[in-house]
N, C-alpha and C. Protein backbone atom coordinates (compact mmCIF):
# COMPACT_ATOMS: atom_id res chain seq x y z
N MET A 1 -127.58 227.65 -136.52
CA MET A 1 -127.02 228.91 -136.09
C MET A 1 -126.54 229.69 -137.31
N VAL A 2 -126.74 230.97 -137.29
CA VAL A 2 -126.22 231.88 -138.30
C VAL A 2 -125.15 232.72 -137.62
N THR A 3 -123.98 232.78 -138.25
CA THR A 3 -122.89 233.56 -137.68
C THR A 3 -122.53 234.70 -138.63
N GLY A 4 -121.92 235.72 -138.05
CA GLY A 4 -121.50 236.86 -138.83
C GLY A 4 -120.35 237.56 -138.14
N HIS A 5 -120.18 238.83 -138.47
CA HIS A 5 -119.08 239.58 -137.88
C HIS A 5 -119.47 241.05 -137.69
N VAL A 6 -118.70 241.74 -136.89
CA VAL A 6 -118.83 243.17 -136.68
C VAL A 6 -117.73 243.82 -137.51
N ASP A 7 -118.11 244.76 -138.39
CA ASP A 7 -117.11 245.38 -139.26
C ASP A 7 -116.45 246.59 -138.58
N ASP A 8 -115.59 247.28 -139.32
CA ASP A 8 -114.85 248.42 -138.77
C ASP A 8 -115.74 249.62 -138.44
N GLN A 9 -116.97 249.63 -138.97
CA GLN A 9 -117.94 250.69 -138.66
C GLN A 9 -118.88 250.26 -137.53
N PHE A 10 -118.59 249.12 -136.90
CA PHE A 10 -119.37 248.55 -135.79
C PHE A 10 -120.77 248.10 -136.21
N ARG A 11 -120.92 247.70 -137.48
CA ARG A 11 -122.17 247.13 -137.98
C ARG A 11 -122.14 245.63 -137.76
N ALA A 12 -123.23 245.08 -137.24
CA ALA A 12 -123.38 243.63 -137.09
C ALA A 12 -123.88 243.09 -138.42
N LEU A 13 -123.10 242.22 -139.07
CA LEU A 13 -123.40 241.73 -140.41
C LEU A 13 -123.53 240.22 -140.43
N VAL A 14 -124.53 239.73 -141.16
CA VAL A 14 -124.73 238.29 -141.36
C VAL A 14 -125.02 238.04 -142.84
N ARG A 15 -124.79 236.82 -143.28
CA ARG A 15 -125.06 236.44 -144.67
C ARG A 15 -126.45 235.82 -144.78
N VAL A 16 -127.19 236.26 -145.81
CA VAL A 16 -128.54 235.73 -146.06
C VAL A 16 -128.59 235.32 -147.53
N PRO A 17 -128.78 234.01 -147.82
CA PRO A 17 -128.90 233.56 -149.22
C PRO A 17 -130.30 233.87 -149.76
N VAL A 18 -130.38 234.63 -150.86
CA VAL A 18 -131.67 235.02 -151.44
C VAL A 18 -131.70 234.70 -152.92
N GLY A 19 -132.91 234.54 -153.45
CA GLY A 19 -133.10 234.28 -154.87
C GLY A 19 -134.48 234.67 -155.32
N ALA A 20 -134.69 234.64 -156.64
CA ALA A 20 -135.97 235.04 -157.23
C ALA A 20 -136.99 233.91 -157.26
N THR A 21 -136.52 232.66 -157.15
CA THR A 21 -137.43 231.51 -157.19
C THR A 21 -137.09 230.54 -156.07
N ARG A 22 -138.04 229.68 -155.72
CA ARG A 22 -137.83 228.73 -154.62
C ARG A 22 -136.64 227.81 -154.88
N ASP A 23 -136.53 227.28 -156.08
CA ASP A 23 -135.49 226.28 -156.36
C ASP A 23 -134.33 226.84 -157.18
N GLY A 24 -134.35 228.12 -157.48
CA GLY A 24 -133.30 228.72 -158.30
C GLY A 24 -132.05 229.02 -157.51
N PRO A 25 -131.06 229.56 -158.20
CA PRO A 25 -129.78 229.88 -157.54
C PRO A 25 -129.96 230.96 -156.48
N ARG A 26 -129.07 230.94 -155.51
CA ARG A 26 -129.07 231.92 -154.43
C ARG A 26 -127.83 232.80 -154.54
N GLN A 27 -127.99 234.04 -154.13
CA GLN A 27 -126.87 234.94 -153.96
C GLN A 27 -126.80 235.28 -152.49
N GLU A 28 -125.62 235.12 -151.90
CA GLU A 28 -125.47 235.46 -150.48
C GLU A 28 -125.30 236.95 -150.34
N LEU A 29 -126.24 237.57 -149.63
CA LEU A 29 -126.16 238.99 -149.34
C LEU A 29 -125.62 239.18 -147.93
N VAL A 30 -124.77 240.16 -147.75
CA VAL A 30 -124.31 240.53 -146.42
C VAL A 30 -125.28 241.58 -145.91
N ALA A 31 -126.05 241.22 -144.88
CA ALA A 31 -127.10 242.09 -144.37
C ALA A 31 -126.70 242.67 -143.01
N TRP A 32 -127.03 243.92 -142.82
CA TRP A 32 -126.78 244.64 -141.57
C TRP A 32 -127.95 244.35 -140.64
N VAL A 33 -127.69 243.80 -139.47
CA VAL A 33 -128.73 243.54 -138.48
C VAL A 33 -129.16 244.89 -137.91
N ASP A 34 -130.43 245.24 -138.15
CA ASP A 34 -130.96 246.55 -137.76
C ASP A 34 -132.10 246.36 -136.77
N THR A 35 -131.81 246.45 -135.49
CA THR A 35 -132.83 246.21 -134.46
C THR A 35 -133.83 247.36 -134.35
N ALA A 36 -133.62 248.45 -135.09
CA ALA A 36 -134.59 249.54 -135.12
C ALA A 36 -135.59 249.37 -136.27
N PHE A 37 -135.39 248.34 -137.09
CA PHE A 37 -136.25 248.04 -138.23
C PHE A 37 -137.10 246.83 -137.88
N ASN A 38 -138.42 247.01 -137.80
CA ASN A 38 -139.27 245.91 -137.37
C ASN A 38 -139.79 245.04 -138.51
N GLY A 39 -139.28 245.26 -139.72
CA GLY A 39 -139.65 244.43 -140.86
C GLY A 39 -138.72 243.24 -141.01
N GLY A 40 -138.73 242.66 -142.21
CA GLY A 40 -137.91 241.49 -142.49
C GLY A 40 -136.61 241.85 -143.18
N LEU A 41 -136.67 242.09 -144.49
CA LEU A 41 -135.47 242.41 -145.28
C LEU A 41 -135.71 243.64 -146.15
N THR A 42 -134.72 244.48 -146.25
CA THR A 42 -134.67 245.49 -147.29
C THR A 42 -133.43 245.19 -148.11
N ILE A 43 -133.52 245.42 -149.41
CA ILE A 43 -132.40 245.14 -150.31
C ILE A 43 -132.20 246.35 -151.20
N PRO A 44 -130.95 246.81 -151.35
CA PRO A 44 -130.71 247.95 -152.26
C PRO A 44 -131.22 247.68 -153.67
N ARG A 45 -131.72 248.73 -154.30
CA ARG A 45 -132.33 248.61 -155.63
C ARG A 45 -131.43 247.91 -156.64
N ALA A 46 -130.14 248.22 -156.63
CA ALA A 46 -129.22 247.60 -157.59
C ALA A 46 -129.17 246.08 -157.41
N LEU A 47 -129.21 245.62 -156.16
CA LEU A 47 -129.22 244.18 -155.90
C LEU A 47 -130.56 243.56 -156.27
N VAL A 48 -131.66 244.27 -156.04
CA VAL A 48 -132.98 243.78 -156.45
C VAL A 48 -132.98 243.53 -157.95
N ALA A 49 -132.46 244.49 -158.72
CA ALA A 49 -132.40 244.34 -160.18
C ALA A 49 -131.48 243.20 -160.56
N GLY A 50 -130.31 243.11 -159.92
CA GLY A 50 -129.35 242.05 -160.23
C GLY A 50 -129.88 240.66 -159.94
N LEU A 51 -130.71 240.54 -158.92
CA LEU A 51 -131.31 239.26 -158.56
C LEU A 51 -132.52 238.92 -159.44
N GLY A 52 -133.05 239.92 -160.15
CA GLY A 52 -134.22 239.70 -160.99
C GLY A 52 -135.48 239.45 -160.19
N LEU A 53 -135.62 240.11 -159.04
CA LEU A 53 -136.79 239.91 -158.19
C LEU A 53 -138.01 240.57 -158.83
N PRO A 54 -139.14 239.87 -158.84
CA PRO A 54 -140.35 240.45 -159.44
C PRO A 54 -141.01 241.47 -158.51
N GLN A 55 -141.42 242.61 -159.09
CA GLN A 55 -142.12 243.61 -158.29
C GLN A 55 -143.51 243.10 -157.95
N GLU A 56 -143.92 243.29 -156.70
CA GLU A 56 -145.23 242.81 -156.27
C GLU A 56 -146.19 243.93 -155.92
N SER A 57 -145.75 244.90 -155.14
CA SER A 57 -146.66 245.96 -154.73
C SER A 57 -145.85 247.09 -154.11
N SER A 58 -146.54 247.89 -153.32
CA SER A 58 -145.85 248.92 -152.54
C SER A 58 -146.50 248.93 -151.16
N VAL A 59 -145.77 249.48 -150.21
CA VAL A 59 -146.25 249.53 -148.84
C VAL A 59 -145.88 250.89 -148.25
N GLU A 60 -146.74 251.42 -147.40
CA GLU A 60 -146.42 252.67 -146.72
C GLU A 60 -145.57 252.37 -145.50
N ALA A 61 -144.59 253.23 -145.27
CA ALA A 61 -143.71 253.06 -144.11
C ALA A 61 -143.48 254.41 -143.46
N VAL A 62 -143.32 254.40 -142.16
CA VAL A 62 -142.98 255.61 -141.41
C VAL A 62 -141.48 255.57 -141.13
N LEU A 63 -140.77 256.58 -141.61
CA LEU A 63 -139.32 256.65 -141.43
C LEU A 63 -138.97 257.17 -140.04
N ALA A 64 -137.71 257.05 -139.67
CA ALA A 64 -137.25 257.48 -138.35
C ALA A 64 -137.53 258.96 -138.10
N ASP A 65 -137.54 259.76 -139.18
CA ASP A 65 -137.80 261.20 -139.01
C ASP A 65 -139.30 261.52 -139.00
N GLY A 66 -140.16 260.49 -139.05
CA GLY A 66 -141.59 260.69 -138.97
C GLY A 66 -142.30 260.80 -140.32
N ARG A 67 -141.54 260.91 -141.41
CA ARG A 67 -142.17 261.00 -142.73
C ARG A 67 -142.78 259.66 -143.11
N THR A 68 -143.91 259.71 -143.82
CA THR A 68 -144.53 258.52 -144.38
C THR A 68 -144.20 258.47 -145.87
N VAL A 69 -143.71 257.31 -146.31
CA VAL A 69 -143.32 257.15 -147.71
C VAL A 69 -143.88 255.84 -148.24
N ALA A 70 -144.04 255.76 -149.56
CA ALA A 70 -144.44 254.52 -150.23
C ALA A 70 -143.17 253.81 -150.71
N LEU A 71 -143.04 252.55 -150.37
CA LEU A 71 -141.86 251.77 -150.74
C LEU A 71 -142.27 250.60 -151.64
N GLU A 72 -141.49 250.36 -152.70
CA GLU A 72 -141.77 249.25 -153.60
C GLU A 72 -141.36 247.94 -152.93
N THR A 73 -142.18 246.91 -153.13
CA THR A 73 -141.86 245.59 -152.60
C THR A 73 -141.68 244.59 -153.74
N PHE A 74 -140.84 243.60 -153.49
CA PHE A 74 -140.49 242.61 -154.49
C PHE A 74 -140.56 241.22 -153.86
N GLY A 75 -140.93 240.23 -154.67
CA GLY A 75 -140.97 238.85 -154.20
C GLY A 75 -139.58 238.28 -154.08
N CYS A 76 -139.36 237.48 -153.06
CA CYS A 76 -138.02 236.97 -152.79
C CYS A 76 -138.14 235.65 -152.02
N TYR A 77 -137.20 234.75 -152.26
CA TYR A 77 -137.06 233.53 -151.46
C TYR A 77 -135.73 233.62 -150.73
N PHE A 78 -135.72 233.20 -149.48
CA PHE A 78 -134.46 233.22 -148.74
C PHE A 78 -134.36 231.99 -147.86
N ASP A 79 -133.13 231.57 -147.65
CA ASP A 79 -132.85 230.41 -146.81
C ASP A 79 -132.52 230.91 -145.42
N TRP A 80 -133.19 230.33 -144.41
CA TRP A 80 -133.06 230.84 -143.05
C TRP A 80 -133.25 229.69 -142.08
N PHE A 81 -132.23 229.35 -141.33
CA PHE A 81 -132.28 228.31 -140.30
C PHE A 81 -132.85 226.99 -140.84
N GLY A 82 -132.32 226.56 -141.97
CA GLY A 82 -132.68 225.26 -142.53
C GLY A 82 -133.92 225.21 -143.38
N GLY A 83 -134.64 226.31 -143.51
CA GLY A 83 -135.85 226.35 -144.32
C GLY A 83 -135.74 227.37 -145.43
N THR A 84 -136.61 227.25 -146.43
CA THR A 84 -136.70 228.23 -147.50
C THR A 84 -138.02 228.96 -147.35
N TYR A 85 -137.97 230.28 -147.35
CA TYR A 85 -139.15 231.09 -147.09
C TYR A 85 -139.40 232.06 -148.23
N GLN A 86 -140.68 232.28 -148.54
CA GLN A 86 -141.08 233.28 -149.51
C GLN A 86 -141.51 234.52 -148.74
N THR A 87 -141.08 235.67 -149.20
CA THR A 87 -141.45 236.91 -148.53
C THR A 87 -141.42 238.06 -149.52
N GLN A 88 -141.85 239.20 -149.07
CA GLN A 88 -141.67 240.44 -149.82
C GLN A 88 -140.53 241.20 -149.18
N VAL A 89 -139.67 241.75 -150.02
CA VAL A 89 -138.60 242.61 -149.53
C VAL A 89 -138.85 244.02 -150.03
N VAL A 90 -138.37 244.97 -149.28
CA VAL A 90 -138.50 246.37 -149.65
C VAL A 90 -137.24 246.80 -150.37
N ALA A 91 -137.40 247.47 -151.51
CA ALA A 91 -136.25 248.05 -152.22
C ALA A 91 -135.84 249.32 -151.51
N SER A 92 -134.54 249.48 -151.29
CA SER A 92 -134.05 250.65 -150.56
C SER A 92 -132.99 251.39 -151.37
N ASP A 93 -132.69 252.58 -150.91
CA ASP A 93 -131.62 253.37 -151.51
C ASP A 93 -130.33 253.23 -150.71
N GLY A 94 -130.32 252.39 -149.68
CA GLY A 94 -129.15 252.21 -148.83
C GLY A 94 -128.06 251.40 -149.51
N ALA A 95 -126.92 251.35 -148.86
CA ALA A 95 -125.77 250.61 -149.38
C ALA A 95 -125.82 249.13 -148.99
N TYR A 96 -126.47 248.83 -147.86
CA TYR A 96 -126.51 247.46 -147.35
C TYR A 96 -127.94 246.94 -147.31
N PRO A 97 -128.11 245.64 -147.54
CA PRO A 97 -129.39 245.03 -147.16
C PRO A 97 -129.54 245.14 -145.65
N LEU A 98 -130.76 245.29 -145.18
CA LEU A 98 -131.04 245.35 -143.75
C LEU A 98 -131.86 244.14 -143.35
N LEU A 99 -131.51 243.54 -142.23
CA LEU A 99 -132.26 242.43 -141.65
C LEU A 99 -132.91 242.94 -140.39
N GLY A 100 -134.25 242.91 -140.37
CA GLY A 100 -134.99 243.49 -139.26
C GLY A 100 -135.44 242.49 -138.23
N THR A 101 -136.11 243.02 -137.21
CA THR A 101 -136.49 242.21 -136.05
C THR A 101 -137.54 241.15 -136.37
N LEU A 102 -138.29 241.30 -137.47
CA LEU A 102 -139.24 240.25 -137.85
C LEU A 102 -138.52 238.91 -138.03
N LEU A 103 -137.30 238.95 -138.58
CA LEU A 103 -136.53 237.72 -138.77
C LEU A 103 -135.76 237.31 -137.52
N LEU A 104 -135.75 238.16 -136.51
CA LEU A 104 -135.10 237.83 -135.24
C LEU A 104 -136.08 237.23 -134.24
N SER A 105 -137.37 237.29 -134.59
CA SER A 105 -138.40 236.76 -133.70
C SER A 105 -138.11 235.29 -133.40
N ASP A 106 -138.23 234.92 -132.15
CA ASP A 106 -137.95 233.54 -131.70
C ASP A 106 -136.49 233.15 -131.84
N ARG A 107 -135.61 234.11 -131.97
CA ARG A 107 -134.18 233.86 -132.09
C ARG A 107 -133.43 234.57 -130.97
N ARG A 108 -132.22 234.12 -130.74
CA ARG A 108 -131.32 234.78 -129.78
C ARG A 108 -130.23 235.46 -130.59
N LEU A 109 -130.05 236.76 -130.39
CA LEU A 109 -129.02 237.53 -131.07
C LEU A 109 -127.93 237.88 -130.08
N ALA A 110 -126.68 237.50 -130.40
CA ALA A 110 -125.53 237.85 -129.55
C ALA A 110 -124.51 238.57 -130.41
N ILE A 111 -124.23 239.81 -130.04
CA ILE A 111 -123.21 240.60 -130.73
C ILE A 111 -122.09 240.86 -129.73
N ASP A 112 -120.91 240.39 -130.04
CA ASP A 112 -119.74 240.59 -129.19
C ASP A 112 -118.81 241.57 -129.91
N TYR A 113 -118.90 242.83 -129.52
CA TYR A 113 -118.10 243.85 -130.20
C TYR A 113 -116.62 243.69 -129.95
N ALA A 114 -116.23 243.20 -128.78
CA ALA A 114 -114.80 242.98 -128.49
C ALA A 114 -114.22 241.90 -129.40
N ALA A 115 -114.97 240.81 -129.56
CA ALA A 115 -114.50 239.70 -130.40
C ALA A 115 -114.88 239.89 -131.86
N ARG A 116 -115.75 240.89 -132.15
CA ARG A 116 -116.23 241.17 -133.50
C ARG A 116 -117.03 240.02 -134.12
N THR A 117 -117.86 239.37 -133.28
CA THR A 117 -118.65 238.24 -133.75
C THR A 117 -120.14 238.52 -133.59
N VAL A 118 -120.93 237.87 -134.43
CA VAL A 118 -122.38 237.93 -134.38
C VAL A 118 -122.88 236.49 -134.45
N GLU A 119 -123.81 236.14 -133.55
CA GLU A 119 -124.40 234.81 -133.57
C GLU A 119 -125.91 234.93 -133.41
N LEU A 120 -126.62 234.25 -134.29
CA LEU A 120 -128.08 234.12 -134.22
C LEU A 120 -128.39 232.65 -134.01
N SER A 121 -129.17 232.36 -132.98
CA SER A 121 -129.53 230.96 -132.74
C SER A 121 -131.00 230.86 -132.38
């Protein structure tokens, strides 16, 4: 189970350990659960640089306002439900890493705003 909390802005937040290599050190990122994002992870550019993630490619994405943009992707390893996974993350200009529905697949998400808790199982 992954647990998190709801902050004062009503964002559902969970911790995701990420790193540049499979066996290297991890940095725990606090990621905003974004059910409107159907990808995996986006990480702010400053954190991508700080983690030393290698650039891999770019991908086209359609934004909420309908614009199509090219986004840089970077290689990343993350620990998730007892396993270590390799993936590409998108560099963003946002303040928070975003965790999308791709990582919620086959999981149960419970957000209790009254208790300010988040549980993924």
